[in-house]
Amino acid sequence: MTPTSRSLAELRKRGYVAEVVEKFNSFTKRRNDLFGIGDILAIREGEVLLVQATSGSNTSSRVKKIADSEHIGMIRKAGIAVVVWGWRKGANGRWALREIDCS
């Protein structure tokens, strides 16, 4: 399971309607995030959430990417919450989620 699929499952468990908004560019062979920072757009009553899903080891680089984004100011003004969800396997063999609010 990828960090994105784990995040989708967790969002749906929390009552969100969620969709992947990352696109694959076949010319560059790269994935492009929504606004350059988001993999998943999730909504529930009164809330819009943009999630950057990643592995636990890449969490800090994703936080920096969001902080450096030219669009983050407008995203915040629009009232969209932005989070980084880093997934790491614990010593017990279970997957653990680390949530960082970048709103």
PDB file of N, CA and C in Angstrom:
ATOM      1  N   MET A   1       0.831  -1.183   0.000  1.00  0.00           N
ATOM      2  CA  MET A   1       0.000   0.000   0.000  1.00  0.00           C
ATOM      3  C   MET A   1       0.878   1.250   0.000  1.00  0.00           C
ATOM      4  N   THR A   2       0.515   2.221  -0.784  1.00  0.00           N
ATOM      5  CA  THR A   2       1.274   3.477  -0.863  1.00  0.00           C
ATOM      6  C   THR A   2       0.806   4.454   0.219  1.00  0.00           C
ATOM      7  N   PRO A   3       1.616   5.483   0.511  1.00  0.00           N
ATOM      8  CA  PRO A   3       1.154   6.505   1.452  1.00  0.00           C
ATOM      9  C   PRO A   3      -0.165   7.152   1.023  1.00  0.00           C
ATOM     10  N   THR A   4      -0.357   7.320  -0.271  1.00  0.00           N
ATOM     11  CA  THR A   4      -1.600   7.913  -0.764  1.00  0.00           C
ATOM     12  C   THR A   4      -2.790   7.003  -0.469  1.00  0.00           C
ATOM     13  N   SER A   5      -2.663   5.718  -0.728  1.00  0.00           N
ATOM     14  CA  SER A   5      -3.783   4.803  -0.468  1.00  0.00           C
ATOM     15  C   SER A   5      -4.054   4.667   1.025  1.00  0.00           C
ATOM     16  N   ARG A   6      -3.010   4.683   1.844  1.00  0.00           N
ATOM     17  CA  ARG A   6      -3.209   4.665   3.295  1.00  0.00           C
ATOM     18  C   ARG A   6      -3.949   5.917   3.758  1.00  0.00           C
ATOM     19  N   SER A   7      -3.559   7.060   3.190  1.00  0.00           N
ATOM     20  CA  SER A   7      -4.182   8.335   3.553  1.00  0.00           C
ATOM     21  C   SER A   7      -5.647   8.374   3.128  1.00  0.00           C
ATOM     22  N   LEU A   8      -5.949   7.887   1.929  1.00  0.00           N
ATOM     23  CA  LEU A   8      -7.344   7.823   1.477  1.00  0.00           C
ATOM     24  C   LEU A   8      -8.192   7.000   2.439  1.00  0.00           C
ATOM     25  N   ALA A   9      -7.681   5.856   2.839  1.00  0.00           N
ATOM     26  CA  ALA A   9      -8.416   4.989   3.761  1.00  0.00           C
ATOM     27  C   ALA A   9      -8.640   5.691   5.098  1.00  0.00           C
ATOM     28  N   GLU A  10      -7.627   6.363   5.612  1.00  0.00           N
ATOM     29  CA  GLU A  10      -7.744   7.077   6.891  1.00  0.00           C
ATOM     30  C   GLU A  10      -8.728   8.237   6.790  1.00  0.00           C
ATOM     31  N   LEU A  11      -8.668   8.983   5.704  1.00  0.00           N
ATOM     32  CA  LEU A  11      -9.596  10.102   5.517  1.00  0.00           C
ATOM     33  C   LEU A  11     -11.038   9.611   5.477  1.00  0.00           C
ATOM     34  N   ARG A  12     -11.276   8.566   4.746  1.00  0.00           N
ATOM     35  CA  ARG A  12     -12.635   8.026   4.643  1.00  0.00           C
ATOM     36  C   ARG A  12     -13.113   7.484   5.981  1.00  0.00           C
ATOM     37  N   LYS A  13     -12.202   6.904   6.752  1.00  0.00           N
ATOM     38  CA  LYS A  13     -12.541   6.432   8.093  1.00  0.00           C
ATOM     39  C   LYS A  13     -12.958   7.603   8.993  1.00  0.00           C
ATOM     40  N   ARG A  14     -12.356   8.779   8.764  1.00  0.00           N
ATOM     41  CA  ARG A  14     -12.668   9.976   9.547  1.00  0.00           C
ATOM     42  C   ARG A  14     -13.881  10.743   9.018  1.00  0.00           C
ATOM     43  N   GLY A  15     -14.517  10.219   7.985  1.00  0.00           N
ATOM     44  CA  GLY A  15     -15.751  10.812   7.489  1.00  0.00           C
ATOM     45  C   GLY A  15     -15.595  11.803   6.351  1.00  0.00           C
ATOM     46  N   TYR A  16     -14.425  11.853   5.741  1.00  0.00           N
ATOM     47  CA  TYR A  16     -14.202  12.740   4.600  1.00  0.00           C
ATOM     48  C   TYR A  16     -14.625  12.060   3.296  1.00  0.00           C
ATOM     49  N   VAL A  17     -14.989  12.869   2.323  1.00  0.00           N
ATOM     50  CA  VAL A  17     -15.077  12.434   0.934  1.00  0.00           C
ATOM     51  C   VAL A  17     -13.740  12.872   0.344  1.00  0.00           C
ATOM     52  N   ALA A  18     -12.987  11.940  -0.200  1.00  0.00           N
ATOM     53  CA  ALA A  18     -11.617  12.244  -0.617  1.00  0.00           C
ATOM     54  C   ALA A  18     -11.312  11.684  -1.998  1.00  0.00           C
ATOM     55  N   GLU A  19     -10.526  12.453  -2.748  1.00  0.00           N
ATOM     56  CA  GLU A  19     -10.108  12.038  -4.093  1.00  0.00           C
ATOM     57  C   GLU A  19      -8.650  12.418  -4.318  1.00  0.00           C
ATOM     58  N   VAL A  20      -7.965  11.599  -5.089  1.00  0.00           N
ATOM     59  CA  VAL A  20      -6.590  11.901  -5.480  1.00  0.00           C
ATOM     60  C   VAL A  20      -6.626  13.001  -6.532  1.00  0.00           C
ATOM     61  N   VAL A  21      -5.826  14.045  -6.342  1.00  0.00           N
ATOM     62  CA  VAL A  21      -5.789  15.172  -7.273  1.00  0.00           C
ATOM     63  C   VAL A  21      -4.409  15.328  -7.912  1.00  0.00           C
ATOM     64  N   GLU A  22      -3.531  14.413  -7.625  1.00  0.00           N
ATOM     65  CA  GLU A  22      -2.209  14.375  -8.237  1.00  0.00           C
ATOM     66  C   GLU A  22      -2.375  13.779  -9.635  1.00  0.00           C
ATOM     67  N   LYS A  23      -1.662  14.330 -10.622  1.00  0.00           N
ATOM     68  CA  LYS A  23      -1.749  13.835 -11.996  1.00  0.00           C
ATOM     69  C   LYS A  23      -0.389  13.339 -12.478  1.00  0.00           C
ATOM     70  N   PHE A  24      -0.431  12.372 -13.384  1.00  0.00           N
ATOM     71  CA  PHE A  24       0.795  11.872 -13.983  1.00  0.00           C
ATOM     72  C   PHE A  24       0.989  12.523 -15.345  1.00  0.00           C
ATOM     73  N   ASN A  25       2.160  13.133 -15.544  1.00  0.00           N
ATOM     74  CA  ASN A  25       2.505  13.750 -16.818  1.00  0.00           C
ATOM     75  C   ASN A  25       3.298  12.724 -17.619  1.00  0.00           C
ATOM     76  N   SER A  26       2.699  12.200 -18.682  1.00  0.00           N
ATOM     77  CA  SER A  26       3.337  11.135 -19.452  1.00  0.00           C
ATOM     78  C   SER A  26       4.557  11.617 -20.245  1.00  0.00           C
ATOM     79  N   PHE A  27       4.647  12.919 -20.510  1.00  0.00           N
ATOM     80  CA  PHE A  27       5.802  13.444 -21.248  1.00  0.00           C
ATOM     81  C   PHE A  27       7.041  13.536 -20.371  1.00  0.00           C
ATOM     82  N   THR A  28       6.859  13.998 -19.148  1.00  0.00           N
ATOM     83  CA  THR A  28       8.001  14.146 -18.234  1.00  0.00           C
ATOM     84  C   THR A  28       8.197  12.917 -17.361  1.00  0.00           C
ATOM     85  N   LYS A  29       7.201  12.018 -17.372  1.00  0.00           N
ATOM     86  CA  LYS A  29       7.230  10.806 -16.536  1.00  0.00           C
ATOM     87  C   LYS A  29       7.282  11.151 -15.050  1.00  0.00           C
ATOM     88  N   ARG A  30       6.604  12.247 -14.675  1.00  0.00           N
ATOM     89  CA  ARG A  30       6.575  12.698 -13.284  1.00  0.00           C
ATOM     90  C   ARG A  30       5.135  12.925 -12.838  1.00  0.00           C
ATOM     91  N   ARG A  31       4.951  12.865 -11.538  1.00  0.00           N
ATOM     92  CA  ARG A  31       3.658  13.169 -10.939  1.00  0.00           C
ATOM     93  C   ARG A  31       3.619  14.645 -10.568  1.00  0.00           C
ATOM     94  N   ASN A  32       2.486  15.284 -10.826  1.00  0.00           N
ATOM     95  CA  ASN A  32       2.312  16.698 -10.504  1.00  0.00           C
ATOM     96  C   ASN A  32       1.221  16.841  -9.453  1.00  0.00           C
ATOM     97  N   ASP A  33       1.573  17.452  -8.333  1.00  0.00           N
ATOM     98  CA  ASP A  33       0.631  17.671  -7.246  1.00  0.00           C
ATOM     99  C   ASP A  33      -0.278  18.853  -7.541  1.00  0.00           C
ATOM    100  N   LEU A  34      -1.472  18.852  -6.951  1.00  0.00           N
ATOM    101  CA  LEU A  34      -2.371  19.991  -7.069  1.00  0.00           C
ATOM    102  C   LEU A  34      -1.710  21.208  -6.431  1.00  0.00           C
ATOM    103  N   PHE A  35      -1.644  22.311  -7.153  1.00  0.00           N
ATOM    104  CA  PHE A  35      -0.974  23.545  -6.728  1.00  0.00           C
ATOM    105  C   PHE A  35       0.496  23.303  -6.364  1.00  0.00           C
ATOM    106  N   GLY A  36       1.040  22.200  -6.803  1.00  0.00           N
ATOM    107  CA  GLY A  36       2.433  21.864  -6.510  1.00  0.00           C
ATOM    108  C   GLY A  36       2.663  21.320  -5.118  1.00  0.00           C
ATOM    109  N   ILE A  37       1.582  21.109  -4.330  1.00  0.00           N
ATOM    110  CA  ILE A  37       1.783  20.682  -2.939  1.00  0.00           C
ATOM    111  C   ILE A  37       0.839  19.587  -2.444  1.00  0.00           C
ATOM    112  N   GLY A  38      -0.200  19.234  -3.182  1.00  0.00           N
ATOM    113  CA  GLY A  38      -1.191  18.314  -2.617  1.00  0.00           C
ATOM    114  C   GLY A  38      -1.463  17.085  -3.450  1.00  0.00           C
ATOM    115  N   ASP A  39      -1.631  15.952  -2.771  1.00  0.00           N
ATOM    116  CA  ASP A  39      -1.950  14.686  -3.425  1.00  0.00           C
ATOM    117  C   ASP A  39      -3.433  14.361  -3.356  1.00  0.00           C
ATOM    118  N   ILE A  40      -4.083  14.758  -2.251  1.00  0.00           N
ATOM    119  CA  ILE A  40      -5.474  14.383  -2.003  1.00  0.00           C
ATOM    120  C   ILE A  40      -6.249  15.621  -1.567  1.00  0.00           C
ATOM    121  N   LEU A  41      -7.436  15.785  -2.121  1.00  0.00           N
ATOM    122  CA  LEU A  41      -8.361  16.824  -1.674  1.00  0.00           C
ATOM    123  C   LEU A  41      -9.505  16.118  -0.960  1.00  0.00           C
ATOM    124  N   ALA A  42      -9.749  16.523   0.299  1.00  0.00           N
ATOM    125  CA  ALA A  42     -10.776  15.883   1.113  1.00  0.00           C
ATOM    126  C   ALA A  42     -11.745  16.937   1.634  1.00  0.00           C
ATOM    127  N   ILE A  43     -13.025  16.559   1.681  1.00  0.00           N
ATOM    128  CA  ILE A  43     -14.032  17.490   2.187  1.00  0.00           C
ATOM    129  C   ILE A  43     -14.949  16.774   3.165  1.00  0.00           C
ATOM    130  N   ARG A  44     -15.445  17.534   4.103  1.00  0.00           N
ATOM    131  CA  ARG A  44     -16.559  17.131   4.950  1.00  0.00           C
ATOM    132  C   ARG A  44     -17.231  18.428   5.380  1.00  0.00           C
ATOM    133  N   GLU A  45     -18.346  18.332   6.044  1.00  0.00           N
ATOM    134  CA  GLU A  45     -19.132  19.524   6.337  1.00  0.00           C
ATOM    135  C   GLU A  45     -18.277  20.619   6.979  1.00  0.00           C
ATOM    136  N   GLY A  46     -18.226  21.773   6.300  1.00  0.00           N
ATOM    137  CA  GLY A  46     -17.511  22.930   6.820  1.00  0.00           C
ATOM    138  C   GLY A  46     -15.997  22.857   6.750  1.00  0.00           C
ATOM    139  N   GLU A  47     -15.451  21.895   5.999  1.00  0.00           N
ATOM    140  CA  GLU A  47     -13.999  21.722   5.990  1.00  0.00           C
ATOM    141  C   GLU A  47     -13.494  21.248   4.626  1.00  0.00           C
ATOM    142  N   VAL A  48     -12.403  21.851   4.186  1.00  0.00           N
ATOM    143  CA  VAL A  48     -11.695  21.410   2.983  1.00  0.00           C
ATOM    144  C   VAL A  48     -10.251  21.173   3.403  1.00  0.00           C
ATOM    145  N   LEU A  49      -9.707  20.022   3.053  1.00  0.00           N
ATOM    146  CA  LEU A  49      -8.379  19.619   3.486  1.00  0.00           C
ATOM    147  C   LEU A  49      -7.556  19.178   2.276  1.00  0.00           C
ATOM    148  N   LEU A  50      -6.356  19.716   2.153  1.00  0.00           N
ATOM    149  CA  LEU A  50      -5.410  19.306   1.113  1.00  0.00           C
ATOM    150  C   LEU A  50      -4.304  18.519   1.799  1.00  0.00           C
ATOM    151  N   VAL A  51      -4.119  17.273   1.391  1.00  0.00           N
ATOM    152  CA  VAL A  51      -3.178  16.375   2.045  1.00  0.00           C
ATOM    153  C   VAL A  51      -1.999  16.078   1.128  1.00  0.00           C
ATOM    154  N   GLN A  52      -0.800  16.221   1.665  1.00  0.00           N
ATOM    155  CA  GLN A  52       0.416  15.759   1.005  1.00  0.00           C
ATOM    156  C   GLN A  52       0.785  14.458   1.712  1.00  0.00           C
ATOM    157  N   ALA A  53       0.629  13.337   1.033  1.00  0.00           N
ATOM    158  CA  ALA A  53       0.917  12.023   1.611  1.00  0.00           C
ATOM    159  C   ALA A  53       2.333  11.613   1.238  1.00  0.00           C
ATOM    160  N   THR A  54       3.066  11.093   2.227  1.00  0.00           N
ATOM    161  CA  THR A  54       4.456  10.727   1.975  1.00  0.00           C
ATOM    162  C   THR A  54       4.911   9.666   2.972  1.00  0.00           C
ATOM    163  N   SER A  55       6.118   9.193   2.768  1.00  0.00           N
ATOM    164  CA  SER A  55       6.718   8.271   3.726  1.00  0.00           C
ATOM    165  C   SER A  55       7.233   9.078   4.918  1.00  0.00           C
ATOM    166  N   GLY A  56       7.425   8.426   6.023  1.00  0.00           N
ATOM    167  CA  GLY A  56       7.905   9.109   7.226  1.00  0.00           C
ATOM    168  C   GLY A  56       9.230   9.814   7.022  1.00  0.00           C
ATOM    169  N   SER A  57      10.108   9.245   6.219  1.00  0.00           N
ATOM    170  CA  SER A  57      11.432   9.831   6.016  1.00  0.00           C
ATOM    171  C   SER A  57      11.414  11.082   5.144  1.00  0.00           C
ATOM    172  N   ASN A  58      10.343  11.290   4.377  1.00  0.00           N
ATOM    173  CA  ASN A  58      10.268  12.459   3.501  1.00  0.00           C
ATOM    174  C   ASN A  58       9.390  13.584   4.050  1.00  0.00           C
ATOM    175  N   THR A  59       8.907  13.431   5.258  1.00  0.00           N
ATOM    176  CA  THR A  59       7.967  14.394   5.830  1.00  0.00           C
ATOM    177  C   THR A  59       8.538  15.804   5.877  1.00  0.00           C
ATOM    178  N   SER A  60       9.741  15.970   6.391  1.00  0.00           N
ATOM    179  CA  SER A  60      10.307  17.323   6.537  1.00  0.00           C
ATOM    180  C   SER A  60      10.529  17.997   5.189  1.00  0.00           C
ATOM    181  N   SER A  61      10.898  17.251   4.167  1.00  0.00           N
ATOM    182  CA  SER A  61      11.093  17.860   2.848  1.00  0.00           C
ATOM    183  C   SER A  61       9.758  18.312   2.251  1.00  0.00           C
ATOM    184  N   ARG A  62       8.688  17.597   2.546  1.00  0.00           N
ATOM    185  CA  ARG A  62       7.367  18.000   2.055  1.00  0.00           C
ATOM    186  C   ARG A  62       6.868  19.256   2.785  1.00  0.00           C
ATOM    187  N   VAL A  63       7.150  19.365   4.079  1.00  0.00           N
ATOM    188  CA  VAL A  63       6.784  20.571   4.836  1.00  0.00           C
ATOM    189  C   VAL A  63       7.510  21.777   4.248  1.00  0.00           C
ATOM    190  N   LYS A  64       8.782  21.611   3.927  1.00  0.00           N
ATOM    191  CA  LYS A  64       9.565  22.702   3.326  1.00  0.00           C
ATOM    192  C   LYS A  64       9.007  23.072   1.951  1.00  0.00           C
ATOM    193  N   LYS A  65       8.643  22.069   1.166  1.00  0.00           N
ATOM    194  CA  LYS A  65       8.069  22.308  -0.163  1.00  0.00           C
ATOM    195  C   LYS A  65       6.794  23.151  -0.054  1.00  0.00           C
ATOM    196  N   ILE A  66       5.965  22.861   0.919  1.00  0.00           N
ATOM    197  CA  ILE A  66       4.730  23.619   1.117  1.00  0.00           C
ATOM    198  C   ILE A  66       5.055  25.039   1.559  1.00  0.00           C
ATOM    199  N   ALA A  67       5.977  25.190   2.499  1.00  0.00           N
ATOM    200  CA  ALA A  67       6.353  26.523   2.988  1.00  0.00           C
ATOM    201  C   ALA A  67       6.923  27.388   1.872  1.00  0.00           C
ATOM    202  N   ASP A  68       7.616  26.782   0.932  1.00  0.00           N
ATOM    203  CA  ASP A  68       8.235  27.509  -0.177  1.00  0.00           C
ATOM    204  C   ASP A  68       7.300  27.724  -1.371  1.00  0.00           C
ATOM    205  N   SER A  69       6.095  27.162  -1.311  1.00  0.00           N
ATOM    206  CA  SER A  69       5.164  27.239  -2.438  1.00  0.00           C
ATOM    207  C   SER A  69       4.684  28.666  -2.683  1.00  0.00           C
ATOM    208  N   GLU A  70       4.609  29.029  -3.937  1.00  0.00           N
ATOM    209  CA  GLU A  70       4.097  30.353  -4.301  1.00  0.00           C
ATOM    210  C   GLU A  70       2.590  30.448  -4.085  1.00  0.00           C
ATOM    211  N   HIS A  71       1.912  29.309  -3.955  1.00  0.00           N
ATOM    212  CA  HIS A  71       0.456  29.287  -3.840  1.00  0.00           C
ATOM    213  C   HIS A  71      -0.064  29.152  -2.412  1.00  0.00           C
ATOM    214  N   ILE A  72       0.806  28.881  -1.450  1.00  0.00           N
ATOM    215  CA  ILE A  72       0.339  28.571  -0.100  1.00  0.00           C
ATOM    216  C   ILE A  72      -0.433  29.732   0.533  1.00  0.00           C
ATOM    217  N   GLY A  73      -0.045  30.955   0.274  1.00  0.00           N
ATOM    218  CA  GLY A  73      -0.758  32.108   0.826  1.00  0.00           C
ATOM    219  C   GLY A  73      -2.199  32.169   0.356  1.00  0.00           C
ATOM    220  N   MET A  74      -2.419  31.986  -0.929  1.00  0.00           N
ATOM    221  CA  MET A  74      -3.763  32.023  -1.486  1.00  0.00           C
ATOM    222  C   MET A  74      -4.586  30.823  -1.007  1.00  0.00           C
ATOM    223  N   ILE A  75      -3.950  29.670  -0.875  1.00  0.00           N
ATOM    224  CA  ILE A  75      -4.641  28.477  -0.377  1.00  0.00           C
ATOM    225  C   ILE A  75      -5.128  28.723   1.043  1.00  0.00           C
ATOM    226  N   ARG A  76      -4.288  29.311   1.869  1.00  0.00           N
ATOM    227  CA  ARG A  76      -4.676  29.628   3.248  1.00  0.00           C
ATOM    228  C   ARG A  76      -5.797  30.655   3.278  1.00  0.00           C
ATOM    229  N   LYS A  77      -5.708  31.695   2.435  1.00  0.00           N
ATOM    230  CA  LYS A  77      -6.756  32.723   2.386  1.00  0.00           C
ATOM    231  C   LYS A  77      -8.095  32.131   1.954  1.00  0.00           C
ATOM    232  N   ALA A  78      -8.050  31.076   1.153  1.00  0.00           N
ATOM    233  CA  ALA A  78      -9.274  30.415   0.699  1.00  0.00           C
ATOM    234  C   ALA A  78      -9.885  29.534   1.796  1.00  0.00           C
ATOM    235  N   GLY A  79      -9.167  29.395   2.899  1.00  0.00           N
ATOM    236  CA  GLY A  79      -9.685  28.608   4.016  1.00  0.00           C
ATOM    237  C   GLY A  79      -9.453  27.115   3.886  1.00  0.00           C
ATOM    238  N   ILE A  80      -8.527  26.736   3.028  1.00  0.00           N
ATOM    239  CA  ILE A  80      -8.209  25.314   2.838  1.00  0.00           C
ATOM    240  C   ILE A  80      -7.109  24.926   3.818  1.00  0.00           C
ATOM    241  N   ALA A  81      -7.370  23.917   4.623  1.00  0.00           N
ATOM    242  CA  ALA A  81      -6.356  23.409   5.550  1.00  0.00           C
ATOM    243  C   ALA A  81      -5.361  22.551   4.754  1.00  0.00           C
ATOM    244  N   VAL A  82      -4.089  22.671   5.091  1.00  0.00           N
ATOM    245  CA  VAL A  82      -3.037  21.918   4.399  1.00  0.00           C
ATOM    246  C   VAL A  82      -2.269  21.109   5.438  1.00  0.00           C
ATOM    247  N   VAL A  83      -2.147  19.806   5.174  1.00  0.00           N
ATOM    248  CA  VAL A  83      -1.432  18.925   6.097  1.00  0.00           C
ATOM    249  C   VAL A  83      -0.483  18.013   5.332  1.00  0.00           C
ATOM    250  N   VAL A  84       0.571  17.609   6.027  1.00  0.00           N
ATOM    251  CA  VAL A  84       1.466  16.570   5.521  1.00  0.00           C
ATOM    252  C   VAL A  84       1.214  15.345   6.386  1.00  0.00           C
ATOM    253  N   TRP A  85       0.951  14.226   5.751  1.00  0.00           N
ATOM    254  CA  TRP A  85       0.769  12.963   6.453  1.00  0.00           C
ATOM    255  C   TRP A  85       1.927  12.043   6.083  1.00  0.00           C
ATOM    256  N   GLY A  86       2.787  11.775   7.059  1.00  0.00           N
ATOM    257  CA  GLY A  86       3.923  10.883   6.870  1.00  0.00           C
ATOM    258  C   GLY A  86       3.640   9.524   7.484  1.00  0.00           C
ATOM    259  N   TRP A  87       3.832   8.479   6.711  1.00  0.00           N
ATOM    260  CA  TRP A  87       3.554   7.115   7.156  1.00  0.00           C
ATOM    261  C   TRP A  87       4.854   6.373   7.409  1.00  0.00           C
ATOM    262  N   ARG A  88       4.936   5.745   8.581  1.00  0.00           N
ATOM    263  CA  ARG A  88       6.131   4.999   8.976  1.00  0.00           C
ATOM    264  C   ARG A  88       5.708   3.719   9.686  1.00  0.00           C
ATOM    265  N   LYS A  89       6.442   2.660   9.421  1.00  0.00           N
ATOM    266  CA  LYS A  89       6.156   1.390  10.090  1.00  0.00           C
ATOM    267  C   LYS A  89       6.852   1.397  11.449  1.00  0.00           C
ATOM    268  N   GLY A  90       6.077   1.148  12.508  1.00  0.00           N
ATOM    269  CA  GLY A  90       6.613   1.142  13.863  1.00  0.00           C
ATOM    270  C   GLY A  90       7.316  -0.154  14.199  1.00  0.00           C
ATOM    271  N   ALA A  91       7.924  -0.178  15.385  1.00  0.00           N
ATOM    272  CA  ALA A  91       8.645  -1.362  15.845  1.00  0.00           C
ATOM    273  C   ALA A  91       7.716  -2.568  15.997  1.00  0.00           C
ATOM    274  N   ASN A  92       6.435  -2.283  16.231  1.00  0.00           N
ATOM    275  CA  ASN A  92       5.457  -3.357  16.380  1.00  0.00           C
ATOM    276  C   ASN A  92       4.955  -3.888  15.036  1.00  0.00           C
ATOM    277  N   GLY A  93       5.455  -3.309  13.931  1.00  0.00           N
ATOM    278  CA  GLY A  93       5.059  -3.750  12.597  1.00  0.00           C
ATOM    279  C   GLY A  93       3.807  -3.080  12.066  1.00  0.00           C
ATOM    280  N   ARG A  94       3.217  -2.184  12.850  1.00  0.00           N
ATOM    281  CA  ARG A  94       2.010  -1.487  12.414  1.00  0.00           C
ATOM    282  C   ARG A  94       2.377  -0.124  11.854  1.00  0.00           C
ATOM    283  N   TRP A  95       1.575   0.349  10.901  1.00  0.00           N
ATOM    284  CA  TRP A  95       1.814   1.639  10.283  1.00  0.00           C
ATOM    285  C   TRP A  95       1.345   2.761  11.204  1.00  0.00           C
ATOM    286  N   ALA A  96       2.181   3.775  11.359  1.00  0.00           N
ATOM    287  CA  ALA A  96       1.863   4.914  12.216  1.00  0.00           C
ATOM    288  C   ALA A  96       1.827   6.179  11.354  1.00  0.00           C
ATOM    289  N   LEU A  97       0.859   7.041  11.645  1.00  0.00           N
ATOM    290  CA  LEU A  97       0.678   8.282  10.910  1.00  0.00           C
ATOM    291  C   LEU A  97       1.193   9.449  11.728  1.00  0.00           C
ATOM    292  N   ARG A  98       2.000  10.286  11.101  1.00  0.00           N
ATOM    293  CA  ARG A  98       2.449  11.540  11.707  1.00  0.00           C
ATOM    294  C   ARG A  98       1.800  12.668  10.905  1.00  0.00           C
ATOM    295  N   GLU A  99       1.016  13.492  11.594  1.00  0.00           N
ATOM    296  CA  GLU A  99       0.304  14.593  10.940  1.00  0.00           C
ATOM    297  C   GLU A  99       0.961  15.915  11.283  1.00  0.00           C
ATOM    298  N   ILE A 100       1.253  16.699  10.253  1.00  0.00           N
ATOM    299  CA  ILE A 100       1.825  18.038  10.448  1.00  0.00           C
ATOM    300  C   ILE A 100       0.917  19.038   9.757  1.00  0.00           C
ATOM    301  N   ASP A 101       0.391  19.975  10.547  1.00  0.00           N
ATOM    302  CA  ASP A 101      -0.501  21.007  10.014  1.00  0.00           C
ATOM    303  C   ASP A 101       0.343  22.131   9.430  1.00  0.00           C
ATOM    304  N   CYS A 102       0.153  22.427   8.159  1.00  0.00           N
ATOM    305  CA  CYS A 102       0.892  23.488   7.474  1.00  0.00           C
ATOM    306  C   CYS A 102      -0.020  24.651   7.105  1.00  0.00           C
ATOM    307  N   SER A 103      -1.218  24.683   7.687  1.00  0.00           N
ATOM    308  CA  SER A 103      -2.186  25.731   7.365  1.00  0.00           C
ATOM    309  C   SER A 103      -1.750  27.078   7.902  1.00  0.00           C
TER     310      SER A 103
END
